């Protein structure tokens, strides 16, 4: 058996003579880190869609700025970039860390209004360590919760 592959090289490794197994894993979630590596069709890797997001709520708002209840404790911070809003109208809105529990959104480039109480989804910078921050994950189809999965290995790195 010759094993190879990762999410970023699955389509290359599949064509290597002798490879009998591929081990991609992040493709099921995707994250900003993978988007940034580039792909065969351009500077953004988009073979798979971003499925893993963190749902936040706007807890404070003033003109040009919103604070969400997702900070360093909600997202992996091992990459030099921050979460990105899933909503295309907010995709270019800069996110800044506001401490452990909060994120700060600079709304000066927002293409839609953001209000107090709005629920905003953010694509995570790095999926693996972000999953490890939670005890459970909700599987959605549209707006409907279809599954609740416990994160059995959470905190088990000791």
Protein backbone atom coordinates (compact mmCIF):
# COMPACT_ATOMS: atom_id res chain seq x y z
CA UNK A 1 0.00 0.00 0.00
CA UNK A 2 1.21 3.50 -0.86
CA UNK A 3 -0.70 6.20 0.94
CA UNK A 4 -0.62 9.85 0.11
CA UNK A 5 -2.65 12.93 -0.19
CA UNK A 6 -4.05 15.80 1.66
CA UNK A 7 -6.89 18.09 0.82
CA UNK A 8 -4.53 20.38 -1.07
CA UNK A 9 -2.91 17.63 -3.16
CA UNK A 10 -5.67 15.03 -3.58
CA UNK A 11 -5.99 15.81 -7.30
CA UNK A 12 -2.22 15.52 -7.83
CA UNK A 13 -1.59 12.42 -5.70
CA UNK A 14 -4.44 10.54 -7.37
CA UNK A 15 -2.39 10.50 -10.60
CA UNK A 16 0.84 9.17 -9.08
CA UNK A 17 1.53 5.58 -10.12
CA UNK A 18 1.31 3.19 -7.21
CA UNK A 19 -0.76 5.35 -4.86
CA UNK A 20 -3.48 3.10 -3.48
CA UNK A 21 -4.96 5.35 -0.80
CA UNK A 22 -5.61 9.06 -0.33
CA UNK A 23 -5.97 10.69 3.08
CA UNK A 24 -7.61 14.08 2.58
CA UNK A 25 -9.45 15.29 5.64
CA UNK A 26 -9.98 19.03 5.70
CA UNK A 27 -12.05 18.97 2.51
CA UNK A 28 -15.16 18.16 4.50
CA UNK A 29 -14.90 21.47 6.37
CA UNK A 30 -12.52 23.72 4.45
CA UNK A 31 -11.08 26.86 5.96
CA UNK A 32 -9.43 30.12 4.97
CA UNK A 33 -5.97 28.57 5.12
CA UNK A 34 -6.84 26.15 2.32
CA UNK A 35 -8.57 28.87 0.30
CA UNK A 36 -5.32 30.84 0.37
CA UNK A 37 -3.06 28.09 -1.06
CA UNK A 38 -4.37 28.52 -4.58
CA UNK A 39 -5.60 25.84 -6.92
CA UNK A 40 -5.27 24.57 -10.45
CA UNK A 41 -7.82 27.12 -11.62
CA UNK A 42 -6.48 30.23 -9.89
CA UNK A 43 -5.20 31.98 -6.78
CA UNK A 44 -8.05 30.73 -4.56
CA UNK A 45 -8.40 27.02 -3.80
CA UNK A 46 -12.08 26.36 -4.36
CA UNK A 47 -12.36 22.65 -5.12
CA UNK A 48 -14.53 22.32 -1.99
CA UNK A 49 -16.86 24.81 -0.33
CA UNK A 50 -16.34 26.27 3.12
CA UNK A 51 -18.70 24.33 5.36
CA UNK A 52 -17.29 24.97 8.85
CA UNK A 53 -18.38 28.28 10.32
CA UNK A 54 -18.76 29.81 13.74
CA UNK A 55 -22.09 31.53 14.41
CA UNK A 56 -21.81 34.81 16.30
CA UNK A 57 -24.22 37.49 17.45
CA UNK A 58 -23.73 41.24 17.15
CA UNK A 59 -23.66 42.32 20.81
CA UNK A 60 -22.71 45.97 20.35
CA UNK A 61 -23.08 48.42 17.51
CA UNK A 62 -22.21 52.02 16.73
CA UNK A 63 -21.80 53.75 13.35
CA UNK A 64 -19.11 51.92 11.37
CA UNK A 65 -18.34 49.32 14.03
CA UNK A 66 -19.97 46.12 15.30
CA UNK A 67 -18.82 43.83 18.09
CA UNK A 68 -19.60 40.11 17.84
CA UNK A 69 -19.44 37.50 20.59
CA UNK A 70 -16.71 35.49 18.88
CA UNK A 71 -13.10 36.18 19.82
CA UNK A 72 -9.89 34.30 20.46
CA UNK A 73 -11.73 31.52 22.34
CA UNK A 74 -14.05 30.93 19.37
CA UNK A 75 -11.54 30.61 16.51
CA UNK A 76 -8.12 29.10 15.99
CA UNK A 77 -5.46 31.79 16.16
CA UNK A 78 -2.49 29.89 14.78
CA UNK A 79 -2.64 31.68 11.42
CA UNK A 80 -1.67 35.29 10.67
CA UNK A 81 -5.17 36.14 9.42
CA UNK A 82 -8.58 36.44 11.02
CA UNK A 83 -12.01 34.88 10.35
CA UNK A 84 -13.98 36.04 7.32
CA UNK A 85 -17.73 36.66 7.16
CA UNK A 86 -19.56 34.02 5.13
CA UNK A 87 -22.13 36.55 3.89
CA UNK A 88 -20.83 37.85 0.51
CA UNK A 89 -22.08 41.36 1.39
CA UNK A 90 -19.75 41.31 4.42
CA UNK A 91 -16.86 39.30 2.95
CA UNK A 92 -14.55 42.33 2.74
CA UNK A 93 -15.37 43.59 6.25
CA UNK A 94 -12.19 43.53 8.35
CA UNK A 95 -12.37 41.41 11.52
CA UNK A 96 -10.08 42.30 14.44
CA UNK A 97 -9.59 40.42 17.69
CA UNK A 98 -11.38 42.16 20.53
CA UNK A 99 -10.08 39.84 23.22
CA UNK A 100 -11.05 36.36 24.33
CA UNK A 101 -14.79 36.70 23.79
CA UNK A 102 -15.19 39.39 21.14
CA UNK A 103 -14.42 40.32 17.56
CA UNK A 104 -14.55 43.84 16.13
CA UNK A 105 -15.94 44.47 12.64
CA UNK A 106 -15.02 47.60 10.71
CA UNK A 107 -18.24 48.18 8.77
CA UNK A 108 -17.02 51.06 6.60
CA UNK A 109 -16.83 48.71 3.57
CA UNK A 110 -19.95 46.66 4.39
CA UNK A 111 -22.33 46.22 1.48
CA UNK A 112 -25.31 45.80 3.80
CA UNK A 113 -26.47 47.10 7.14
CA UNK A 114 -25.51 45.19 10.28
CA UNK A 115 -27.73 45.57 13.35
CA UNK A 116 -27.58 44.75 17.03
CA UNK A 117 -28.70 41.13 17.48
CA UNK A 118 -27.83 40.02 13.93
CA UNK A 119 -26.43 36.51 13.70
CA UNK A 120 -23.28 36.39 11.55
CA UNK A 121 -21.38 33.31 10.39
CA UNK A 122 -17.61 33.38 10.01
CA UNK A 123 -15.39 30.95 8.09
CA UNK A 124 -12.59 29.80 10.38
CA UNK A 125 -8.91 30.49 9.68
CA UNK A 126 -7.86 26.87 10.42
CA UNK A 127 -10.44 24.08 10.78
CA UNK A 128 -8.57 21.48 12.85
CA UNK A 129 -7.78 23.56 15.95
CA UNK A 130 -11.11 25.39 15.66
CA UNK A 131 -13.08 22.14 15.95
CA UNK A 132 -11.06 21.26 19.04
CA UNK A 133 -12.44 24.38 20.78
CA UNK A 134 -15.99 23.01 20.89
CA UNK A 135 -17.82 20.17 22.63
CA UNK A 136 -20.38 19.75 19.85
CA UNK A 137 -21.01 20.65 16.23
CA UNK A 138 -24.35 21.29 14.54
CA UNK A 139 -24.99 19.91 11.07
CA UNK A 140 -27.25 22.23 9.08
CA UNK A 141 -29.07 21.90 5.80
CA UNK A 142 -30.09 25.44 4.96
CA UNK A 143 -31.49 26.87 8.19
CA UNK A 144 -32.54 23.49 9.57
CA UNK A 145 -30.47 21.62 12.17
CA UNK A 146 -30.23 18.01 10.98
CA UNK A 147 -27.60 16.64 13.33
CA UNK A 148 -25.71 17.28 16.54
CA UNK A 149 -22.28 15.68 16.69
CA UNK A 150 -20.28 15.48 19.89
CA UNK A 151 -16.57 16.28 19.52
CA UNK A 152 -15.32 13.12 21.22
CA UNK A 153 -11.62 14.00 21.09
CA UNK A 154 -11.97 17.58 22.36
CA UNK A 155 -9.15 18.40 24.75
CA UNK A 156 -7.66 14.91 24.50
CA UNK A 157 -4.15 15.95 23.51
CA UNK A 158 -2.67 15.15 26.93
